[in-house]
Amino acid sequence: MSRSAEIGPSPSPLTADDLDLAVQLALAVLRKAPSAAWDGKAGSLEWDCWEMVEHLSDDLFAYAAQLGPRTPPSDGEVPFVWESRRPCERYSRGP
């Protein structure tokens, strides 16, 4: 038996509604995190919590970029430019 047969049928394609739900669920959980937790280690990873959430946000942004155009490119992904920028200390701690 093939591995794909063990897993079951393929899931349906990712939609904008799926992406919106993922973002809303993530925000609901992340808003509850205390400020001090963002600098702590993300479980067993080498990253801190800020870096882990930034990575997940990058992934969700990449999915959104691919869902955006009415007619996406047929030969690859929708191109875009991004940069990683962590807020400076005075903005991350609040007033």
PDB file of N, CA and C in Angstrom:
ATOM      1  N   MET A   1       0.855  -1.178   0.000  1.00  0.00           N
ATOM      2  CA  MET A   1       0.000   0.000   0.000  1.00  0.00           C
ATOM      3  C   MET A   1       0.897   1.236   0.000  1.00  0.00           C
ATOM      4  N   SER A   2       0.556   2.210  -0.819  1.00  0.00           N
ATOM      5  CA  SER A   2       1.362   3.428  -0.894  1.00  0.00           C
ATOM      6  C   SER A   2       1.105   4.316   0.322  1.00  0.00           C
ATOM      7  N   ARG A   3       2.078   5.173   0.588  1.00  0.00           N
ATOM      8  CA  ARG A   3       1.959   6.108   1.724  1.00  0.00           C
ATOM      9  C   ARG A   3       0.747   7.012   1.552  1.00  0.00           C
ATOM     10  N   SER A   4       0.499   7.497   0.316  1.00  0.00           N
ATOM     11  CA  SER A   4      -0.641   8.392   0.100  1.00  0.00           C
ATOM     12  C   SER A   4      -1.966   7.684   0.343  1.00  0.00           C
ATOM     13  N   ALA A   5      -2.035   6.386   0.068  1.00  0.00           N
ATOM     14  CA  ALA A   5      -3.267   5.640   0.321  1.00  0.00           C
ATOM     15  C   ALA A   5      -3.510   5.498   1.819  1.00  0.00           C
ATOM     16  N   GLU A   6      -2.431   5.407   2.593  1.00  0.00           N
ATOM     17  CA  GLU A   6      -2.572   5.306   4.044  1.00  0.00           C
ATOM     18  C   GLU A   6      -3.100   6.599   4.650  1.00  0.00           C
ATOM     19  N   ILE A   7      -2.705   7.718   4.086  1.00  0.00           N
ATOM     20  CA  ILE A   7      -3.088   9.025   4.614  1.00  0.00           C
ATOM     21  C   ILE A   7      -4.538   9.340   4.292  1.00  0.00           C
ATOM     22  N   GLY A   8      -5.010   8.923   3.142  1.00  0.00           N
ATOM     23  CA  GLY A   8      -6.374   9.208   2.732  1.00  0.00           C
ATOM     24  C   GLY A   8      -6.397  10.131   1.539  1.00  0.00           C
ATOM     25  N   PRO A   9      -7.580  10.592   1.179  1.00  0.00           N
ATOM     26  CA  PRO A   9      -7.691  11.453  -0.004  1.00  0.00           C
ATOM     27  C   PRO A   9      -6.965  12.782   0.202  1.00  0.00           C
ATOM     28  N   SER A  10      -6.554  13.367  -0.910  1.00  0.00           N
ATOM     29  CA  SER A  10      -5.873  14.662  -0.853  1.00  0.00           C
ATOM     30  C   SER A  10      -6.824  15.724  -0.323  1.00  0.00           C
ATOM     31  N   PRO A  11      -6.302  16.643   0.482  1.00  0.00           N
ATOM     32  CA  PRO A  11      -7.156  17.735   0.965  1.00  0.00           C
ATOM     33  C   PRO A  11      -7.520  18.669  -0.182  1.00  0.00           C
ATOM     34  N   SER A  12      -8.560  19.432   0.012  1.00  0.00           N
ATOM     35  CA  SER A  12      -8.958  20.390  -1.020  1.00  0.00           C
ATOM     36  C   SER A  12      -7.928  21.511  -1.091  1.00  0.00           C
ATOM     37  N   PRO A  13      -7.888  22.245  -2.205  1.00  0.00           N
ATOM     38  CA  PRO A  13      -6.920  23.348  -2.335  1.00  0.00           C
ATOM     39  C   PRO A  13      -7.134  24.411  -1.260  1.00  0.00           C
ATOM     40  N   LEU A  14      -6.051  25.048  -0.883  1.00  0.00           N
ATOM     41  CA  LEU A  14      -6.097  26.138   0.083  1.00  0.00           C
ATOM     42  C   LEU A  14      -6.863  27.307  -0.512  1.00  0.00           C
ATOM     43  N   THR A  15      -7.773  27.874   0.263  1.00  0.00           N
ATOM     44  CA  THR A  15      -8.560  29.014  -0.206  1.00  0.00           C
ATOM     45  C   THR A  15      -8.280  30.234   0.658  1.00  0.00           C
ATOM     46  N   ALA A  16      -8.743  31.381   0.200  1.00  0.00           N
ATOM     47  CA  ALA A  16      -8.607  32.612   0.980  1.00  0.00           C
ATOM     48  C   ALA A  16      -9.331  32.477   2.321  1.00  0.00           C
ATOM     49  N   ASP A  17     -10.463  31.789   2.343  1.00  0.00           N
ATOM     50  CA  ASP A  17     -11.188  31.579   3.605  1.00  0.00           C
ATOM     51  C   ASP A  17     -10.370  30.736   4.584  1.00  0.00           C
ATOM     52  N   ASP A  18      -9.663  29.723   4.071  1.00  0.00           N
ATOM     53  CA  ASP A  18      -8.794  28.909   4.924  1.00  0.00           C
ATOM     54  C   ASP A  18      -7.698  29.767   5.544  1.00  0.00           C
ATOM     55  N   LEU A  19      -7.114  30.609   4.728  1.00  0.00           N
ATOM     56  CA  LEU A  19      -6.041  31.488   5.190  1.00  0.00           C
ATOM     57  C   LEU A  19      -6.561  32.470   6.234  1.00  0.00           C
ATOM     58  N   ASP A  20      -7.725  33.048   5.986  1.00  0.00           N
ATOM     59  CA  ASP A  20      -8.323  33.985   6.942  1.00  0.00           C
ATOM     60  C   ASP A  20      -8.583  33.295   8.280  1.00  0.00           C
ATOM     61  N   LEU A  21      -9.102  32.082   8.240  1.00  0.00           N
ATOM     62  CA  LEU A  21      -9.358  31.344   9.480  1.00  0.00           C
ATOM     63  C   LEU A  21      -8.054  31.070  10.231  1.00  0.00           C
ATOM     64  N   ALA A  22      -7.008  30.669   9.522  1.00  0.00           N
ATOM     65  CA  ALA A  22      -5.712  30.407  10.161  1.00  0.00           C
ATOM     66  C   ALA A  22      -5.181  31.660  10.849  1.00  0.00           C
ATOM     67  N   VAL A  23      -5.303  32.798  10.192  1.00  0.00           N
ATOM     68  CA  VAL A  23      -4.829  34.058  10.778  1.00  0.00           C
ATOM     69  C   VAL A  23      -5.651  34.417  12.008  1.00  0.00           C
ATOM     70  N   GLN A  24      -6.964  34.308  11.919  1.00  0.00           N
ATOM     71  CA  GLN A  24      -7.826  34.655  13.054  1.00  0.00           C
ATOM     72  C   GLN A  24      -7.552  33.761  14.265  1.00  0.00           C
ATOM     73  N   LEU A  25      -7.369  32.460  14.030  1.00  0.00           N
ATOM     74  CA  LEU A  25      -7.074  31.541  15.136  1.00  0.00           C
ATOM     75  C   LEU A  25      -5.715  31.844  15.758  1.00  0.00           C
ATOM     76  N   ALA A  26      -4.729  32.130  14.921  1.00  0.00           N
ATOM     77  CA  ALA A  26      -3.394  32.463  15.435  1.00  0.00           C
ATOM     78  C   ALA A  26      -3.434  33.741  16.261  1.00  0.00           C
ATOM     79  N   LEU A  27      -4.122  34.754  15.770  1.00  0.00           N
ATOM     80  CA  LEU A  27      -4.217  36.017  16.506  1.00  0.00           C
ATOM     81  C   LEU A  27      -4.900  35.834  17.856  1.00  0.00           C
ATOM     82  N   ALA A  28      -5.941  35.022  17.889  1.00  0.00           N
ATOM     83  CA  ALA A  28      -6.660  34.791  19.142  1.00  0.00           C
ATOM     84  C   ALA A  28      -5.728  34.208  20.205  1.00  0.00           C
ATOM     85  N   VAL A  29      -4.841  33.310  19.806  1.00  0.00           N
ATOM     86  CA  VAL A  29      -3.902  32.698  20.750  1.00  0.00           C
ATOM     87  C   VAL A  29      -2.762  33.655  21.091  1.00  0.00           C
ATOM     88  N   LEU A  30      -2.185  34.298  20.077  1.00  0.00           N
ATOM     89  CA  LEU A  30      -1.009  35.146  20.294  1.00  0.00           C
ATOM     90  C   LEU A  30      -1.310  36.385  21.124  1.00  0.00           C
ATOM     91  N   ARG A  31      -2.521  36.897  21.050  1.00  0.00           N
ATOM     92  CA  ARG A  31      -2.883  38.078  21.847  1.00  0.00           C
ATOM     93  C   ARG A  31      -2.844  37.793  23.343  1.00  0.00           C
ATOM     94  N   LYS A  32      -2.954  36.531  23.717  1.00  0.00           N
ATOM     95  CA  LYS A  32      -2.947  36.152  25.132  1.00  0.00           C
ATOM     96  C   LYS A  32      -1.533  36.023  25.699  1.00  0.00           C
ATOM     97  N   ALA A  33      -0.517  36.044  24.836  1.00  0.00           N
ATOM     98  CA  ALA A  33       0.867  35.847  25.294  1.00  0.00           C
ATOM     99  C   ALA A  33       1.358  37.069  26.059  1.00  0.00           C
ATOM    100  N   PRO A  34       1.959  36.859  27.230  1.00  0.00           N
ATOM    101  CA  PRO A  34       2.525  37.992  27.974  1.00  0.00           C
ATOM    102  C   PRO A  34       3.739  38.561  27.234  1.00  0.00           C
ATOM    103  N   SER A  35       3.979  39.843  27.391  1.00  0.00           N
ATOM    104  CA  SER A  35       5.086  40.518  26.698  1.00  0.00           C
ATOM    105  C   SER A  35       6.422  39.827  26.924  1.00  0.00           C
ATOM    106  N   ALA A  36       6.666  39.373  28.126  1.00  0.00           N
ATOM    107  CA  ALA A  36       7.955  38.754  28.454  1.00  0.00           C
ATOM    108  C   ALA A  36       8.180  37.436  27.717  1.00  0.00           C
ATOM    109  N   ALA A  37       7.121  36.797  27.270  1.00  0.00           N
ATOM    110  CA  ALA A  37       7.248  35.489  26.620  1.00  0.00           C
ATOM    111  C   ALA A  37       7.886  35.562  25.234  1.00  0.00           C
ATOM    112  N   TRP A  38       7.833  36.708  24.588  1.00  0.00           N
ATOM    113  CA  TRP A  38       8.313  36.813  23.205  1.00  0.00           C
ATOM    114  C   TRP A  38       9.807  36.586  23.072  1.00  0.00           C
ATOM    115  N   ASP A  39      10.572  36.861  24.108  1.00  0.00           N
ATOM    116  CA  ASP A  39      12.016  36.654  24.056  1.00  0.00           C
ATOM    117  C   ASP A  39      12.426  35.250  24.499  1.00  0.00           C
ATOM    118  N   GLY A  40      11.471  34.481  25.007  1.00  0.00           N
ATOM    119  CA  GLY A  40      11.778  33.127  25.470  1.00  0.00           C
ATOM    120  C   GLY A  40      11.917  32.146  24.322  1.00  0.00           C
ATOM    121  N   LYS A  41      12.542  31.029  24.603  1.00  0.00           N
ATOM    122  CA  LYS A  41      12.777  29.989  23.608  1.00  0.00           C
ATOM    123  C   LYS A  41      11.446  29.371  23.173  1.00  0.00           C
ATOM    124  N   ALA A  42      11.332  29.091  21.880  1.00  0.00           N
ATOM    125  CA  ALA A  42      10.114  28.485  21.327  1.00  0.00           C
ATOM    126  C   ALA A  42      10.217  26.964  21.439  1.00  0.00           C
ATOM    127  N   GLY A  43       9.823  26.444  22.570  1.00  0.00           N
ATOM    128  CA  GLY A  43       9.876  25.000  22.790  1.00  0.00           C
ATOM    129  C   GLY A  43      11.291  24.467  22.679  1.00  0.00           C
ATOM    130  N   SER A  44      11.473  23.419  21.867  1.00  0.00           N
ATOM    131  CA  SER A  44      12.794  22.808  21.703  1.00  0.00           C
ATOM    132  C   SER A  44      13.599  23.437  20.566  1.00  0.00           C
ATOM    133  N   LEU A  45      13.053  24.461  19.928  1.00  0.00           N
ATOM    134  CA  LEU A  45      13.745  25.115  18.814  1.00  0.00           C
ATOM    135  C   LEU A  45      14.852  26.039  19.304  1.00  0.00           C
ATOM    136  N   GLU A  46      15.750  26.383  18.400  1.00  0.00           N
ATOM    137  CA  GLU A  46      16.781  27.372  18.723  1.00  0.00           C
ATOM    138  C   GLU A  46      16.212  28.786  18.658  1.00  0.00           C
ATOM    139  N   TRP A  47      15.101  28.972  17.971  1.00  0.00           N
ATOM    140  CA  TRP A  47      14.489  30.286  17.808  1.00  0.00           C
ATOM    141  C   TRP A  47      13.791  30.712  19.084  1.00  0.00           C
ATOM    142  N   ASP A  48      13.667  32.040  19.255  1.00  0.00           N
ATOM    143  CA  ASP A  48      12.813  32.517  20.334  1.00  0.00           C
ATOM    144  C   ASP A  48      11.378  32.600  19.789  1.00  0.00           C
ATOM    145  N   CYS A  49      10.440  32.899  20.657  1.00  0.00           N
ATOM    146  CA  CYS A  49       9.028  32.920  20.242  1.00  0.00           C
ATOM    147  C   CYS A  49       8.774  33.956  19.157  1.00  0.00           C
ATOM    148  N   TRP A  50       9.440  35.109  19.251  1.00  0.00           N
ATOM    149  CA  TRP A  50       9.269  36.143  18.230  1.00  0.00           C
ATOM    150  C   TRP A  50       9.651  35.599  16.855  1.00  0.00           C
ATOM    151  N   GLU A  51      10.813  34.952  16.761  1.00  0.00           N
ATOM    152  CA  GLU A  51      11.291  34.431  15.480  1.00  0.00           C
ATOM    153  C   GLU A  51      10.371  33.342  14.939  1.00  0.00           C
ATOM    154  N   MET A  52       9.820  32.517  15.819  1.00  0.00           N
ATOM    155  CA  MET A  52       8.911  31.462  15.381  1.00  0.00           C
ATOM    156  C   MET A  52       7.637  32.051  14.791  1.00  0.00           C
ATOM    157  N   VAL A  53       7.063  33.039  15.473  1.00  0.00           N
ATOM    158  CA  VAL A  53       5.838  33.669  14.968  1.00  0.00           C
ATOM    159  C   VAL A  53       6.126  34.431  13.677  1.00  0.00           C
ATOM    160  N   GLU A  54       7.295  35.058  13.596  1.00  0.00           N
ATOM    161  CA  GLU A  54       7.659  35.746  12.360  1.00  0.00           C
ATOM    162  C   GLU A  54       7.741  34.750  11.201  1.00  0.00           C
ATOM    163  N   HIS A  55       8.294  33.577  11.450  1.00  0.00           N
ATOM    164  CA  HIS A  55       8.390  32.537  10.422  1.00  0.00           C
ATOM    165  C   HIS A  55       6.990  32.096   9.969  1.00  0.00           C
ATOM    166  N   LEU A  56       6.110  31.847  10.918  1.00  0.00           N
ATOM    167  CA  LEU A  56       4.740  31.454  10.568  1.00  0.00           C
ATOM    168  C   LEU A  56       4.026  32.562   9.801  1.00  0.00           C
ATOM    169  N   SER A  57       4.250  33.804  10.208  1.00  0.00           N
ATOM    170  CA  SER A  57       3.650  34.943   9.501  1.00  0.00           C
ATOM    171  C   SER A  57       4.161  35.031   8.072  1.00  0.00           C
ATOM    172  N   ASP A  58       5.455  34.791   7.892  1.00  0.00           N
ATOM    173  CA  ASP A  58       6.020  34.779   6.539  1.00  0.00           C
ATOM    174  C   ASP A  58       5.334  33.727   5.673  1.00  0.00           C
ATOM    175  N   ASP A  59       5.107  32.549   6.248  1.00  0.00           N
ATOM    176  CA  ASP A  59       4.437  31.486   5.496  1.00  0.00           C
ATOM    177  C   ASP A  59       3.020  31.892   5.098  1.00  0.00           C
ATOM    178  N   LEU A  60       2.273  32.450   6.048  1.00  0.00           N
ATOM    179  CA  LEU A  60       0.901  32.872   5.748  1.00  0.00           C
ATOM    180  C   LEU A  60       0.884  33.991   4.714  1.00  0.00           C
ATOM    181  N   PHE A  61       1.840  34.910   4.804  1.00  0.00           N
ATOM    182  CA  PHE A  61       1.940  35.977   3.812  1.00  0.00           C
ATOM    183  C   PHE A  61       2.218  35.394   2.429  1.00  0.00           C
ATOM    184  N   ALA A  62       3.108  34.420   2.361  1.00  0.00           N
ATOM    185  CA  ALA A  62       3.434  33.800   1.073  1.00  0.00           C
ATOM    186  C   ALA A  62       2.204  33.121   0.473  1.00  0.00           C
ATOM    187  N   TYR A  63       1.420  32.432   1.299  1.00  0.00           N
ATOM    188  CA  TYR A  63       0.178  31.832   0.801  1.00  0.00           C
ATOM    189  C   TYR A  63      -0.768  32.917   0.292  1.00  0.00           C
ATOM    190  N   ALA A  64      -0.919  33.990   1.054  1.00  0.00           N
ATOM    191  CA  ALA A  64      -1.823  35.076   0.655  1.00  0.00           C
ATOM    192  C   ALA A  64      -1.384  35.694  -0.669  1.00  0.00           C
ATOM    193  N   ALA A  65      -0.090  35.870  -0.848  1.00  0.00           N
ATOM    194  CA  ALA A  65       0.415  36.455  -2.098  1.00  0.00           C
ATOM    195  C   ALA A  65       0.067  35.578  -3.294  1.00  0.00           C
ATOM    196  N   GLN A  66       0.083  34.271  -3.103  1.00  0.00           N
ATOM    197  CA  GLN A  66      -0.226  33.364  -4.209  1.00  0.00           C
ATOM    198  C   GLN A  66      -1.729  33.329  -4.503  1.00  0.00           C
ATOM    199  N   LEU A  67      -2.545  33.626  -3.495  1.00  0.00           N
ATOM    200  CA  LEU A  67      -4.001  33.620  -3.680  1.00  0.00           C
ATOM    201  C   LEU A  67      -4.525  34.950  -4.212  1.00  0.00           C
ATOM    202  N   GLY A  68      -3.695  35.998  -4.191  1.00  0.00           N
ATOM    203  CA  GLY A  68      -4.136  37.345  -4.534  1.00  0.00           C
ATOM    204  C   GLY A  68      -4.539  37.587  -5.974  1.00  0.00           C
ATOM    205  N   PRO A  69      -3.699  37.275  -6.946  1.00  0.00           N
ATOM    206  CA  PRO A  69      -4.028  37.625  -8.334  1.00  0.00           C
ATOM    207  C   PRO A  69      -5.180  36.799  -8.899  1.00  0.00           C
ATOM    208  N   ARG A  70      -5.987  37.445  -9.720  1.00  0.00           N
ATOM    209  CA  ARG A  70      -7.064  36.701 -10.396  1.00  0.00           C
ATOM    210  C   ARG A  70      -6.481  35.641 -11.321  1.00  0.00           C
ATOM    211  N   THR A  71      -5.389  35.984 -11.977  1.00  0.00           N
ATOM    212  CA  THR A  71      -4.720  35.050 -12.875  1.00  0.00           C
ATOM    213  C   THR A  71      -3.250  34.957 -12.466  1.00  0.00           C
ATOM    214  N   PRO A  72      -2.923  34.011 -11.584  1.00  0.00           N
ATOM    215  CA  PRO A  72      -1.529  33.896 -11.146  1.00  0.00           C
ATOM    216  C   PRO A  72      -0.643  33.366 -12.273  1.00  0.00           C
ATOM    217  N   PRO A  73       0.660  33.564 -12.181  1.00  0.00           N
ATOM    218  CA  PRO A  73       1.558  33.051 -13.214  1.00  0.00           C
ATOM    219  C   PRO A  73       1.448  31.530 -13.320  1.00  0.00           C
ATOM    220  N   SER A  74       1.469  31.014 -14.528  1.00  0.00           N
ATOM    221  CA  SER A  74       1.360  29.565 -14.715  1.00  0.00           C
ATOM    222  C   SER A  74       2.713  28.874 -14.609  1.00  0.00           C
ATOM    223  N   ASP A  75       3.790  29.650 -14.632  1.00  0.00           N
ATOM    224  CA  ASP A  75       5.121  29.051 -14.634  1.00  0.00           C
ATOM    225  C   ASP A  75       5.862  29.204 -13.304  1.00  0.00           C
ATOM    226  N   GLY A  76       5.174  29.540 -12.249  1.00  0.00           N
ATOM    227  CA  GLY A  76       5.840  29.690 -10.955  1.00  0.00           C
ATOM    228  C   GLY A  76       4.976  30.454  -9.977  1.00  0.00           C
ATOM    229  N   GLU A  77       5.618  30.983  -8.967  1.00  0.00           N
ATOM    230  CA  GLU A  77       4.904  31.709  -7.923  1.00  0.00           C
ATOM    231  C   GLU A  77       4.831  33.198  -8.229  1.00  0.00           C
ATOM    232  N   VAL A  78       3.889  33.870  -7.571  1.00  0.00           N
ATOM    233  CA  VAL A  78       3.772  35.320  -7.685  1.00  0.00           C
ATOM    234  C   VAL A  78       4.997  35.928  -6.999  1.00  0.00           C
ATOM    235  N   PRO A  79       5.759  36.767  -7.706  1.00  0.00           N
ATOM    236  CA  PRO A  79       6.959  37.341  -7.090  1.00  0.00           C
ATOM    237  C   PRO A  79       6.621  38.489  -6.136  1.00  0.00           C
ATOM    238  N   PHE A  80       7.368  38.600  -5.063  1.00  0.00           N
ATOM    239  CA  PHE A  80       7.255  39.738  -4.156  1.00  0.00           C
ATOM    240  C   PHE A  80       8.560  39.865  -3.385  1.00  0.00           C
ATOM    241  N   VAL A  81       8.763  41.008  -2.795  1.00  0.00           N
ATOM    242  CA  VAL A  81       9.971  41.274  -2.021  1.00  0.00           C
ATOM    243  C   VAL A  81       9.563  41.486  -0.570  1.00  0.00           C
ATOM    244  N   TRP A  82      10.343  40.970   0.357  1.00  0.00           N
ATOM    245  CA  TRP A  82      10.081  41.163   1.777  1.00  0.00           C
ATOM    246  C   TRP A  82      11.406  41.308   2.499  1.00  0.00           C
ATOM    247  N   GLU A  83      11.331  41.797   3.711  1.00  0.00           N
ATOM    248  CA  GLU A  83      12.515  41.854   4.560  1.00  0.00           C
ATOM    249  C   GLU A  83      12.108  41.589   5.996  1.00  0.00           C
ATOM    250  N   SER A  84      12.984  40.964   6.734  1.00  0.00           N
ATOM    251  CA  SER A  84      12.744  40.672   8.137  1.00  0.00           C
ATOM    252  C   SER A  84      13.178  41.872   8.964  1.00  0.00           C
ATOM    253  N   ARG A  85      12.274  42.367   9.788  1.00  0.00           N
ATOM    254  CA  ARG A  85      12.606  43.526  10.605  1.00  0.00           C
ATOM    255  C   ARG A  85      11.929  43.383  11.964  1.00  0.00           C
ATOM    256  N   ARG A  86      12.706  43.230  12.990  1.00  0.00           N
ATOM    257  CA  ARG A  86      12.181  43.120  14.349  1.00  0.00           C
ATOM    258  C   ARG A  86      12.025  44.519  14.916  1.00  0.00           C
ATOM    259  N   PRO A  87      10.894  44.809  15.584  1.00  0.00           N
ATOM    260  CA  PRO A  87      10.723  46.156  16.134  1.00  0.00           C
ATOM    261  C   PRO A  87      11.793  46.451  17.180  1.00  0.00           C
ATOM    262  N   CYS A  88      12.157  47.714  17.256  1.00  0.00           N
ATOM    263  CA  CYS A  88      13.152  48.089  18.257  1.00  0.00           C
ATOM    264  C   CYS A  88      12.549  47.947  19.652  1.00  0.00           C
ATOM    265  N   GLU A  89      13.392  47.935  20.640  1.00  0.00           N
ATOM    266  CA  GLU A  89      13.003  47.691  22.030  1.00  0.00           C
ATOM    267  C   GLU A  89      11.862  48.586  22.499  1.00  0.00           C
ATOM    268  N   ARG A  90      11.914  49.864  22.180  1.00  0.00           N
ATOM    269  CA  ARG A  90      10.896  50.778  22.712  1.00  0.00           C
ATOM    270  C   ARG A  90       9.507  50.484  22.165  1.00  0.00           C
ATOM    271  N   TYR A  91       9.406  49.891  20.969  1.00  0.00           N
ATOM    272  CA  TYR A  91       8.097  49.575  20.412  1.00  0.00           C
ATOM    273  C   TYR A  91       7.597  48.218  20.874  1.00  0.00           C
ATOM    274  N   SER A  92       8.475  47.284  21.156  1.00  0.00           N
ATOM    275  CA  SER A  92       8.044  45.944  21.537  1.00  0.00           C
ATOM    276  C   SER A  92       7.562  45.860  22.979  1.00  0.00           C
ATOM    277  N   ARG A  93       7.950  46.779  23.814  1.00  0.00           N
ATOM    278  CA  ARG A  93       7.562  46.743  25.229  1.00  0.00           C
ATOM    279  C   ARG A  93       6.290  47.528  25.521  1.00  0.00           C
ATOM    280  N   GLY A  94       5.860  48.381  24.607  1.00  0.00           N
ATOM    281  CA  GLY A  94       4.658  49.171  24.836  1.00  0.00           C
ATOM    282  C   GLY A  94       4.959  50.424  25.633  1.00  0.00           C
ATOM    283  N   PRO A  95       3.920  51.225  25.950  1.00  0.00           N
ATOM    284  CA  PRO A  95       4.127  52.498  26.671  1.00  0.00           C
ATOM    285  C   PRO A  95       4.586  52.292  28.093  1.00  0.00           C
TER     286      PRO A  95
END
